[in-house]
PDB file of N, CA and C in Angstrom:
ATOM      1  N   MET A   1      68.901 214.444 294.233  1.00  0.00           N
ATOM      2  CA  MET A   1      69.883 214.125 293.224  1.00  0.00           C
ATOM      3  C   MET A   1      69.452 212.811 292.569  1.00  0.00           C
ATOM      4  N   ASN A   2      69.374 212.824 291.238  1.00  0.00           N
ATOM      5  CA  ASN A   2      68.948 211.610 290.553  1.00  0.00           C
ATOM      6  C   ASN A   2      70.152 210.712 290.237  1.00  0.00           C
ATOM      7  N   HIS A   3      69.879 209.557 289.666  1.00  0.00           N
ATOM      8  CA  HIS A   3      70.902 208.541 289.406  1.00  0.00           C
ATOM      9  C   HIS A   3      71.977 209.048 288.445  1.00  0.00           C
ATOM     10  N   LYS A   4      71.576 209.770 287.397  1.00  0.00           N
ATOM     11  CA  LYS A   4      72.522 210.278 286.404  1.00  0.00           C
ATOM     12  C   LYS A   4      73.479 211.283 287.037  1.00  0.00           C
ATOM     13  N   GLN A   5      72.969 212.165 287.874  1.00  0.00           N
ATOM     14  CA  GLN A   5      73.812 213.148 288.553  1.00  0.00           C
ATOM     15  C   GLN A   5      74.787 212.466 289.522  1.00  0.00           C
ATOM     16  N   MET A   6      74.347 211.414 290.195  1.00  0.00           N
ATOM     17  CA  MET A   6      75.207 210.684 291.133  1.00  0.00           C
ATOM     18  C   MET A   6      76.364 210.015 290.388  1.00  0.00           C
ATOM     19  N   VAL A   7      76.077 209.406 289.236  1.00  0.00           N
ATOM     20  CA  VAL A   7      77.116 208.761 288.427  1.00  0.00           C
ATOM     21  C   VAL A   7      78.113 209.806 287.932  1.00  0.00           C
ATOM     22  N   MET A   8      77.622 210.925 287.454  1.00  0.00           N
ATOM     23  CA  MET A   8      78.509 211.991 286.961  1.00  0.00           C
ATOM     24  C   MET A   8      79.400 212.534 288.083  1.00  0.00           C
ATOM     25  N   LEU A   9      78.858 212.665 289.277  1.00  0.00           N
ATOM     26  CA  LEU A   9      79.627 213.138 290.424  1.00  0.00           C
ATOM     27  C   LEU A   9      80.736 212.144 290.778  1.00  0.00           C
ATOM     28  N   CYS A  10      80.414 210.849 290.763  1.00  0.00           N
ATOM     29  CA  CYS A  10      81.418 209.810 291.063  1.00  0.00           C
ATOM     30  C   CYS A  10      82.517 209.789 290.006  1.00  0.00           C
ATOM     31  N   VAL A  11      82.153 209.908 288.731  1.00  0.00           N
ATOM     32  CA  VAL A  11      83.144 209.924 287.648  1.00  0.00           C
ATOM     33  C   VAL A  11      84.033 211.160 287.777  1.00  0.00           C
ATOM     34  N   ALA A  12      83.451 212.307 288.056  1.00  0.00           N
ATOM     35  CA  ALA A  12      84.227 213.537 288.199  1.00  0.00           C
ATOM     36  C   ALA A  12      85.176 213.444 289.393  1.00  0.00           C
ATOM     37  N   ALA A  13      84.715 212.875 290.495  1.00  0.00           N
ATOM     38  CA  ALA A  13      85.573 212.716 291.676  1.00  0.00           C
ATOM     39  C   ALA A  13      86.723 211.762 291.378  1.00  0.00           C
ATOM     40  N   PHE A  14      86.449 210.650 290.690  1.00  0.00           N
ATOM     41  CA  PHE A  14      87.491 209.687 290.340  1.00  0.00           C
ATOM     42  C   PHE A  14      88.538 210.316 289.432  1.00  0.00           C
ATOM     43  N   LEU A  15      88.102 210.983 288.355  1.00  0.00           N
ATOM     44  CA  LEU A  15      89.036 211.618 287.424  1.00  0.00           C
ATOM     45  C   LEU A  15      89.834 212.738 288.099  1.00  0.00           C
ATOM     46  N   GLY A  16      89.189 213.479 288.969  1.00  0.00           N
ATOM     47  CA  GLY A  16      89.893 214.530 289.706  1.00  0.00           C
ATOM     48  C   GLY A  16      90.953 213.962 290.631  1.00  0.00           C
ATOM     49  N   GLY A  17      90.647 212.832 291.273  1.00  0.00           N
ATOM     50  CA  GLY A  17      91.628 212.183 292.144  1.00  0.00           C
ATOM     51  C   GLY A  17      92.822 211.669 291.368  1.00  0.00           C
ATOM     52  N   VAL A  18      92.570 211.033 290.227  1.00  0.00           N
ATOM     53  CA  VAL A  18      93.660 210.512 289.395  1.00  0.00           C
ATOM     54  C   VAL A  18      94.513 211.662 288.864  1.00  0.00           C
ATOM     55  N   LEU A  19      93.882 212.689 288.337  1.00  0.00           N
ATOM     56  CA  LEU A  19      94.610 213.838 287.803  1.00  0.00           C
ATOM     57  C   LEU A  19      95.405 214.539 288.904  1.00  0.00           C
ATOM     58  N   GLY A  20      94.807 214.689 290.066  1.00  0.00           N
ATOM     59  CA  GLY A  20      95.516 215.315 291.186  1.00  0.00           C
ATOM     60  C   GLY A  20      96.713 214.493 291.635  1.00  0.00           C
ATOM     61  N   GLY A  21      96.583 213.172 291.657  1.00  0.00           N
ATOM     62  CA  GLY A  21      97.698 212.305 292.025  1.00  0.00           C
ATOM     63  C   GLY A  21      98.853 212.399 291.047  1.00  0.00           C
ATOM     64  N   VAL A  22      98.537 212.404 289.758  1.00  0.00           N
ATOM     65  CA  VAL A  22      99.578 212.504 288.735  1.00  0.00           C
ATOM     66  C   VAL A  22     100.289 213.850 288.825  1.00  0.00           C
ATOM     67  N   LEU A  23      99.533 214.915 288.945  1.00  0.00           N
ATOM     68  CA  LEU A  23     100.139 216.239 289.020  1.00  0.00           C
ATOM     69  C   LEU A  23     100.948 216.433 290.298  1.00  0.00           C
ATOM     70  N   SER A  24     100.507 215.864 291.405  1.00  0.00           N
ATOM     71  CA  SER A  24     101.250 216.043 292.662  1.00  0.00           C
ATOM     72  C   SER A  24     102.606 215.360 292.598  1.00  0.00           C
ATOM     73  N   THR A  25     102.714 214.207 291.922  1.00  0.00           N
ATOM     74  CA  THR A  25     104.018 213.556 291.807  1.00  0.00           C
ATOM     75  C   THR A  25     104.962 214.353 290.918  1.00  0.00           C
ATOM     76  N   GLN A  26     104.424 215.106 289.976  1.00  0.00           N
ATOM     77  CA  GLN A  26     105.260 215.913 289.089  1.00  0.00           C
ATOM     78  C   GLN A  26     105.772 217.190 289.767  1.00  0.00           C
ATOM     79  N   PHE A  27     104.997 217.763 290.660  1.00  0.00           N
ATOM     80  CA  PHE A  27     105.352 219.048 291.238  1.00  0.00           C
ATOM     81  C   PHE A  27     105.845 218.987 292.680  1.00  0.00           C
ATOM     82  N   LEU A  28     105.394 218.020 293.462  1.00  0.00           N
ATOM     83  CA  LEU A  28     105.728 217.995 294.879  1.00  0.00           C
ATOM     84  C   LEU A  28     106.934 217.129 295.223  1.00  0.00           C
ATOM     85  N   PHE A  29     107.208 216.087 294.453  1.00  0.00           N
ATOM     86  CA  PHE A  29     108.305 215.182 294.771  1.00  0.00           C
ATOM     87  C   PHE A  29     109.502 215.483 293.890  1.00  0.00           C
ATOM     88  N   PRO A  30     110.704 215.605 294.474  1.00  0.00           N
ATOM     89  CA  PRO A  30     111.890 215.880 293.662  1.00  0.00           C
ATOM     90  C   PRO A  30     112.279 214.673 292.810  1.00  0.00           C
ATOM     91  N   LYS A  31     112.978 214.938 291.757  1.00  0.00           N
ATOM     92  CA  LYS A  31     113.459 213.873 290.881  1.00  0.00           C
ATOM     93  C   LYS A  31     114.594 213.125 291.579  1.00  0.00           C
ATOM     94  N   PRO A  32     114.753 211.819 291.341  1.00  0.00           N
ATOM     95  CA  PRO A  32     115.851 211.070 291.953  1.00  0.00           C
ATOM     96  C   PRO A  32     117.198 211.526 291.416  1.00  0.00           C
ATOM     97  N   VAL A  33     118.206 211.446 292.240  1.00  0.00           N
ATOM     98  CA  VAL A  33     119.552 211.846 291.859  1.00  0.00           C
ATOM     99  C   VAL A  33     120.214 210.691 291.118  1.00  0.00           C
ATOM    100  N   GLU A  34     120.869 210.979 290.037  1.00  0.00           N
ATOM    101  CA  GLU A  34     121.508 209.954 289.215  1.00  0.00           C
ATOM    102  C   GLU A  34     123.030 210.048 289.328  1.00  0.00           C
ATOM    103  N   ALA A  35     123.575 210.239 290.541  1.00  0.00           N
ATOM    104  CA  ALA A  35     125.005 210.441 290.714  1.00  0.00           C
ATOM    105  C   ALA A  35     125.796 209.144 290.743  1.00  0.00           C
ATOM    106  N   GLN A  36     125.167 208.020 290.986  1.00  0.00           N
ATOM    107  CA  GLN A  36     125.882 206.762 291.119  1.00  0.00           C
ATOM    108  C   GLN A  36     125.604 205.844 289.941  1.00  0.00           C
ATOM    109  N   LYS A  37     126.508 204.894 289.753  1.00  0.00           N
ATOM    110  CA  LYS A  37     126.306 203.900 288.710  1.00  0.00           C
ATOM    111  C   LYS A  37     125.106 203.040 289.069  1.00  0.00           C
ATOM    112  N   PRO A  38     124.426 202.466 288.081  1.00  0.00           N
ATOM    113  CA  PRO A  38     123.241 201.649 288.378  1.00  0.00           C
ATOM    114  C   PRO A  38     123.511 200.492 289.336  1.00  0.00           C
ATOM    115  N   ASN A  39     124.673 199.827 289.232  1.00  0.00           N
ATOM    116  CA  ASN A  39     124.939 198.715 290.128  1.00  0.00           C
ATOM    117  C   ASN A  39     126.186 198.987 290.968  1.00  0.00           C
ATOM    118  N   GLY A  40     126.368 200.214 291.411  1.00  0.00           N
ATOM    119  CA  GLY A  40     127.489 200.569 292.261  1.00  0.00           C
ATOM    120  C   GLY A  40     127.062 201.539 293.341  1.00  0.00           C
ATOM    121  N   VAL A  41     127.875 201.592 294.393  1.00  0.00           N
ATOM    122  CA  VAL A  41     127.631 202.515 295.489  1.00  0.00           C
ATOM    123  C   VAL A  41     128.914 203.299 295.722  1.00  0.00           C
ATOM    124  N   ASN A  42     128.823 204.603 295.809  1.00  0.00           N
ATOM    125  CA  ASN A  42     129.975 205.451 296.039  1.00  0.00           C
ATOM    126  C   ASN A  42     129.906 206.031 297.430  1.00  0.00           C
ATOM    127  N   ALA A  43     130.984 205.868 298.183  1.00  0.00           N
ATOM    128  CA  ALA A  43     131.035 206.414 299.541  1.00  0.00           C
ATOM    129  C   ALA A  43     132.483 206.504 299.988  1.00  0.00           C
ATOM    130  N   GLU A  44     132.737 207.293 301.010  1.00  0.00           N
ATOM    131  CA  GLU A  44     134.072 207.374 301.596  1.00  0.00           C
ATOM    132  C   GLU A  44     134.238 206.416 302.753  1.00  0.00           C
ATOM    133  N   GLU A  45     133.120 205.884 303.296  1.00  0.00           N
ATOM    134  CA  GLU A  45     133.197 205.008 304.451  1.00  0.00           C
ATOM    135  C   GLU A  45     131.976 204.088 304.489  1.00  0.00           C
ATOM    136  N   PHE A  46     132.222 202.835 304.858  1.00  0.00           N
ATOM    137  CA  PHE A  46     131.164 201.866 305.097  1.00  0.00           C
ATOM    138  C   PHE A  46     131.363 201.305 306.496  1.00  0.00           C
ATOM    139  N   LEU A  47     130.318 201.292 307.306  1.00  0.00           N
ATOM    140  CA  LEU A  47     130.403 200.777 308.671  1.00  0.00           C
ATOM    141  C   LEU A  47     129.404 199.650 308.869  1.00  0.00           C
ATOM    142  N   LEU A  48     129.824 198.630 309.625  1.00  0.00           N
ATOM    143  CA  LEU A  48     128.943 197.557 310.030  1.00  0.00           C
ATOM    144  C   LEU A  48     128.712 197.736 311.524  1.00  0.00           C
ATOM    145  N   LEU A  49     127.453 197.970 311.917  1.00  0.00           N
ATOM    146  CA  LEU A  49     127.110 198.258 313.306  1.00  0.00           C
ATOM    147  C   LEU A  49     126.443 197.058 313.950  1.00  0.00           C
ATOM    148  N   ASP A  50     126.701 196.877 315.257  1.00  0.00           N
ATOM    149  CA  ASP A  50     126.003 195.817 315.982  1.00  0.00           C
ATOM    150  C   ASP A  50     124.634 196.322 316.431  1.00  0.00           C
ATOM    151  N   ALA A  51     123.900 195.509 317.175  1.00  0.00           N
ATOM    152  CA  ALA A  51     122.541 195.856 317.592  1.00  0.00           C
ATOM    153  C   ALA A  51     122.500 197.107 318.463  1.00  0.00           C
ATOM    154  N   ARG A  52     123.589 197.420 319.164  1.00  0.00           N
ATOM    155  CA  ARG A  52     123.640 198.612 320.018  1.00  0.00           C
ATOM    156  C   ARG A  52     124.143 199.849 319.291  1.00  0.00           C
ATOM    157  N   GLY A  53     124.419 199.715 317.984  1.00  0.00           N
ATOM    158  CA  GLY A  53     124.888 200.847 317.200  1.00  0.00           C
ATOM    159  C   GLY A  53     126.387 201.068 317.270  1.00  0.00           C
ATOM    160  N   LYS A  54     127.130 200.120 317.833  1.00  0.00           N
ATOM    161  CA  LYS A  54     128.579 200.219 317.961  1.00  0.00           C
ATOM    162  C   LYS A  54     129.232 199.701 316.677  1.00  0.00           C
ATOM    163  N   ALA A  55     130.192 200.450 316.126  1.00  0.00           N
ATOM    164  CA  ALA A  55     130.869 200.042 314.901  1.00  0.00           C
ATOM    165  C   ALA A  55     131.742 198.825 315.174  1.00  0.00           C
ATOM    166  N   ARG A  56     131.498 197.745 314.437  1.00  0.00           N
ATOM    167  CA  ARG A  56     132.282 196.517 314.599  1.00  0.00           C
ATOM    168  C   ARG A  56     133.206 196.280 313.413  1.00  0.00           C
ATOM    169  N   ALA A  57     132.879 196.824 312.255  1.00  0.00           N
ATOM    170  CA  ALA A  57     133.730 196.694 311.073  1.00  0.00           C
ATOM    171  C   ALA A  57     133.586 197.949 310.237  1.00  0.00           C
ATOM    172  N   GLY A  58     134.646 198.260 309.521  1.00  0.00           N
ATOM    173  CA  GLY A  58     134.593 199.446 308.681  1.00  0.00           C
ATOM    174  C   GLY A  58     135.560 199.360 307.522  1.00  0.00           C
ATOM    175  N   LEU A  59     135.197 199.994 306.452  1.00  0.00           N
ATOM    176  CA  LEU A  59     136.031 200.126 305.272  1.00  0.00           C
ATOM    177  C   LEU A  59     135.958 201.582 304.876  1.00  0.00           C
ATOM    178  N   GLY A  60     137.125 202.230 304.784  1.00  0.00           N
ATOM    179  CA  GLY A  60     137.062 203.640 304.454  1.00  0.00           C
ATOM    180  C   GLY A  60     138.408 204.289 304.293  1.00  0.00           C
ATOM    181  N   LEU A  61     138.359 205.603 304.166  1.00  0.00           N
ATOM    182  CA  LEU A  61     139.543 206.439 304.019  1.00  0.00           C
ATOM    183  C   LEU A  61     139.740 207.264 305.285  1.00  0.00           C
ATOM    184  N   ASP A  62     141.004 207.430 305.712  1.00  0.00           N
ATOM    185  CA  ASP A  62     141.252 208.290 306.862  1.00  0.00           C
ATOM    186  C   ASP A  62     141.485 209.721 306.388  1.00  0.00           C
ATOM    187  N   ALA A  63     141.861 210.608 307.295  1.00  0.00           N
ATOM    188  CA  ALA A  63     142.035 212.031 306.971  1.00  0.00           C
ATOM    189  C   ALA A  63     143.140 212.254 305.948  1.00  0.00           C
ATOM    190  N   ASN A  64     144.114 211.333 305.870  1.00  0.00           N
ATOM    191  CA  ASN A  64     145.221 211.456 304.914  1.00  0.00           C
ATOM    192  C   ASN A  64     144.920 210.797 303.572  1.00  0.00           C
ATOM    193  N   GLY A  65     143.724 210.250 303.410  1.00  0.00           N
ATOM    194  CA  GLY A  65     143.350 209.589 302.168  1.00  0.00           C
ATOM    195  C   GLY A  65     143.838 208.157 302.074  1.00  0.00           C
ATOM    196  N   GLU A  66     144.299 207.583 303.187  1.00  0.00           N
ATOM    197  CA  GLU A  66     144.763 206.200 303.197  1.00  0.00           C
ATOM    198  C   GLU A  66     143.587 205.265 303.439  1.00  0.00           C
ATOM    199  N   VAL A  67     143.554 204.164 302.690  1.00  0.00           N
ATOM    200  CA  VAL A  67     142.454 203.218 302.769  1.00  0.00           C
ATOM    201  C   VAL A  67     142.733 202.186 303.861  1.00  0.00           C
ATOM    202  N   GLY A  68     141.660 201.687 304.495  1.00  0.00           N
ATOM    203  CA  GLY A  68     141.828 200.675 305.526  1.00  0.00           C
ATOM    204  C   GLY A  68     140.560 199.876 305.750  1.00  0.00           C
ATOM    205  N   PHE A  69     140.758 198.652 306.242  1.00  0.00           N
ATOM    206  CA  PHE A  69     139.670 197.756 306.604  1.00  0.00           C
ATOM    207  C   PHE A  69     139.885 197.397 308.068  1.00  0.00           C
ATOM    208  N   VAL A  70     138.882 197.591 308.919  1.00  0.00           N
ATOM    209  CA  VAL A  70     139.020 197.412 310.360  1.00  0.00           C
ATOM    210  C   VAL A  70     137.933 196.468 310.865  1.00  0.00           C
ATOM    211  N   LEU A  71     138.343 195.496 311.703  1.00  0.00           N
ATOM    212  CA  LEU A  71     137.417 194.590 312.379  1.00  0.00           C
ATOM    213  C   LEU A  71     137.669 194.713 313.875  1.00  0.00           C
ATOM    214  N   ARG A  72     136.605 194.865 314.672  1.00  0.00           N
ATOM    215  CA  ARG A  72     136.740 194.988 316.129  1.00  0.00           C
ATOM    216  C   ARG A  72     136.071 193.808 316.809  1.00  0.00           C
ATOM    217  N   SER A  73     136.679 193.359 317.911  1.00  0.00           N
ATOM    218  CA  SER A  73     136.089 192.263 318.686  1.00  0.00           C
ATOM    219  C   SER A  73     134.814 192.740 319.369  1.00  0.00           C
ATOM    220  N   LYS A  74     133.993 191.781 319.795  1.00  0.00           N
ATOM    221  CA  LYS A  74     132.711 192.115 320.417  1.00  0.00           C
ATOM    222  C   LYS A  74     132.893 192.984 321.659  1.00  0.00           C
ATOM    223  N   ASP A  75     133.927 192.666 322.471  1.00  0.00           N
ATOM    224  CA  ASP A  75     134.162 193.442 323.685  1.00  0.00           C
ATOM    225  C   ASP A  75     134.991 194.705 323.445  1.00  0.00           C
ATOM    226  N   GLY A  76     135.490 194.895 322.230  1.00  0.00           N
ATOM    227  CA  GLY A  76     136.253 196.093 321.895  1.00  0.00           C
ATOM    228  C   GLY A  76     137.699 196.050 322.334  1.00  0.00           C
ATOM    229  N   ASN A  77     138.175 194.891 322.823  1.00  0.00           N
ATOM    230  CA  ASN A  77     139.548 194.786 323.310  1.00  0.00           C
ATOM    231  C   ASN A  77     140.574 194.590 322.200  1.00  0.00           C
ATOM    232  N   ARG A  78     140.182 194.046 321.067  1.00  0.00           N
ATOM    233  CA  ARG A  78     141.118 193.796 319.981  1.00  0.00           C
ATOM    234  C   ARG A  78     140.590 194.384 318.678  1.00  0.00           C
ATOM    235  N   THR A  79     141.513 194.876 317.866  1.00  0.00           N
ATOM    236  CA  THR A  79     141.189 195.440 316.566  1.00  0.00           C
ATOM    237  C   THR A  79     142.132 194.864 315.526  1.00  0.00           C
ATOM    238  N   LEU A  80     141.592 194.334 314.451  1.00  0.00           N
ATOM    239  CA  LEU A  80     142.366 193.810 313.336  1.00  0.00           C
ATOM    240  C   LEU A  80     142.250 194.803 312.195  1.00  0.00           C
ATOM    241  N   THR A  81     143.391 195.283 311.696  1.00  0.00           N
ATOM    242  CA  THR A  81     143.361 196.257 310.607  1.00  0.00           C
ATOM    243  C   THR A  81     144.127 195.730 309.407  1.00  0.00           C
ATOM    244  N   LEU A  82     143.663 196.121 308.252  1.00  0.00           N
ATOM    245  CA  LEU A  82     144.311 195.802 306.990  1.00  0.00           C
ATOM    246  C   LEU A  82     144.414 197.109 306.221  1.00  0.00           C
ATOM    247  N   SER A  83     145.671 197.551 305.992  1.00  0.00           N
ATOM    248  CA  SER A  83     145.868 198.798 305.270  1.00  0.00           C
ATOM    249  C   SER A  83     147.158 198.720 304.471  1.00  0.00           C
ATOM    250  N   PRO A  84     147.092 198.794 303.148  1.00  0.00           N
ATOM    251  CA  PRO A  84     148.303 198.744 302.334  1.00  0.00           C
ATOM    252  C   PRO A  84     149.159 200.001 302.470  1.00  0.00           C
ATOM    253  N   ASP A  85     148.639 201.054 303.087  1.00  0.00           N
ATOM    254  CA  ASP A  85     149.369 202.308 303.216  1.00  0.00           C
ATOM    255  C   ASP A  85     150.220 202.380 304.482  1.00  0.00           C
ATOM    256  N   GLU A  86     150.090 201.414 305.401  1.00  0.00           N
ATOM    257  CA  GLU A  86     150.855 201.422 306.641  1.00  0.00           C
ATOM    258  C   GLU A  86     152.035 200.450 306.544  1.00  0.00           C
ATOM    259  N   PRO A  87     153.087 200.641 307.383  1.00  0.00           N
ATOM    260  CA  PRO A  87     154.234 199.724 307.363  1.00  0.00           C
ATOM    261  C   PRO A  87     153.831 198.275 307.665  1.00  0.00           C
ATOM    262  N   SER A  88     152.983 198.062 308.675  1.00  0.00           N
ATOM    263  CA  SER A  88     152.438 196.734 308.945  1.00  0.00           C
ATOM    264  C   SER A  88     151.095 196.643 308.228  1.00  0.00           C
ATOM    265  N   VAL A  89     151.075 195.894 307.136  1.00  0.00           N
ATOM    266  CA  VAL A  89     149.867 195.828 306.314  1.00  0.00           C
ATOM    267  C   VAL A  89     148.706 195.230 307.098  1.00  0.00           C
ATOM    268  N   ILE A  90     148.983 194.160 307.864  1.00  0.00           N
ATOM    269  CA  ILE A  90     147.965 193.522 308.704  1.00  0.00           C
ATOM    270  C   ILE A  90     148.463 193.573 310.136  1.00  0.00           C
ATOM    271  N   LYS A  91     147.613 194.020 311.058  1.00  0.00           N
ATOM    272  CA  LYS A  91     148.023 194.015 312.464  1.00  0.00           C
ATOM    273  C   LYS A  91     146.831 193.815 313.383  1.00  0.00           C
ATOM    274  N   LEU A  92     147.108 193.162 314.515  1.00  0.00           N
ATOM    275  CA  LEU A  92     146.134 192.948 315.571  1.00  0.00           C
ATOM    276  C   LEU A  92     146.602 193.761 316.761  1.00  0.00           C
ATOM    277  N   VAL A  93     145.740 194.673 317.219  1.00  0.00           N
ATOM    278  CA  VAL A  93     146.114 195.628 318.266  1.00  0.00           C
ATOM    279  C   VAL A  93     145.148 195.490 319.433  1.00  0.00           C
ATOM    280  N   ASP A  94     145.686 195.625 320.676  1.00  0.00           N
ATOM    281  CA  ASP A  94     144.789 195.608 321.831  1.00  0.00           C
ATOM    282  C   ASP A  94     144.281 197.012 322.110  1.00  0.00           C
ATOM    283  N   ARG A  95     143.406 197.141 323.083  1.00  0.00           N
ATOM    284  CA  ARG A  95     142.755 198.418 323.391  1.00  0.00           C
ATOM    285  C   ARG A  95     143.767 199.518 323.732  1.00  0.00           C
ATOM    286  N   GLY A  96     144.882 199.151 324.339  1.00  0.00           N
ATOM    287  CA  GLY A  96     145.902 200.122 324.716  1.00  0.00           C
ATOM    288  C   GLY A  96     146.798 200.564 323.568  1.00  0.00           C
ATOM    289  N   GLY A  97     146.633 199.953 322.379  1.00  0.00           N
ATOM    290  CA  GLY A  97     147.444 200.329 321.237  1.00  0.00           C
ATOM    291  C   GLY A  97     148.660 199.425 321.038  1.00  0.00           C
ATOM    292  N   ARG A  98     148.835 198.418 321.879  1.00  0.00           N
ATOM    293  CA  ARG A  98     149.957 197.500 321.773  1.00  0.00           C
ATOM    294  C   ARG A  98     149.691 196.518 320.626  1.00  0.00           C
ATOM    295  N   ILE A  99     150.665 196.366 319.716  1.00  0.00           N
ATOM    296  CA  ILE A  99     150.522 195.459 318.591  1.00  0.00           C
ATOM    297  C   ILE A  99     150.731 194.027 319.079  1.00  0.00           C
ATOM    298  N   LEU A 100     149.692 193.205 318.971  1.00  0.00           N
ATOM    299  CA  LEU A 100     149.761 191.803 319.381  1.00  0.00           C
ATOM    300  C   LEU A 100     150.339 190.927 318.275  1.00  0.00           C
ATOM    301  N   TRP A 101     150.088 191.285 317.023  1.00  0.00           N
ATOM    302  CA  TRP A 101     150.582 190.540 315.876  1.00  0.00           C
ATOM    303  C   TRP A 101     150.563 191.452 314.667  1.00  0.00           C
ATOM    304  N   GLY A 102     151.526 191.273 313.774  1.00  0.00           N
ATOM    305  CA  GLY A 102     151.573 192.072 312.559  1.00  0.00           C
ATOM    306  C   GLY A 102     152.236 191.313 311.442  1.00  0.00           C
ATOM    307  N   ALA A 103     151.899 191.628 310.217  1.00  0.00           N
ATOM    308  CA  ALA A 103     152.528 191.034 309.039  1.00  0.00           C
ATOM    309  C   ALA A 103     152.899 192.141 308.106  1.00  0.00           C
ATOM    310  N   PRO A 104     153.927 191.905 307.409  1.00  0.00           N
ATOM    311  CA  PRO A 104     155.218 192.568 307.302  1.00  0.00           C
ATOM    312  C   PRO A 104     155.242 193.904 307.908  1.00  0.00           C
TER     313      PRO A 104
END
């Protein structure tokens, strides 16, 4: 193989690689979904997990469509909830369900 043939082979391989890369992105990868606003996130629930994967805080909707914000203590003994849909808008509850503090 002479020098001219080697150069032509390298150019053909380079162009084939570039063309193959462009075509593969058009046919193999799906288009991104445009369901959300550019600077917004839509979800029914947001959870903050600790290092062990245990939910420590959450913002979301329950089965009845009521909104709530929940914070849990590290040991899981106390839960602070904020929900405008409940009679006690803010309450601190122990693990057994006993209300330790509430506002209105």
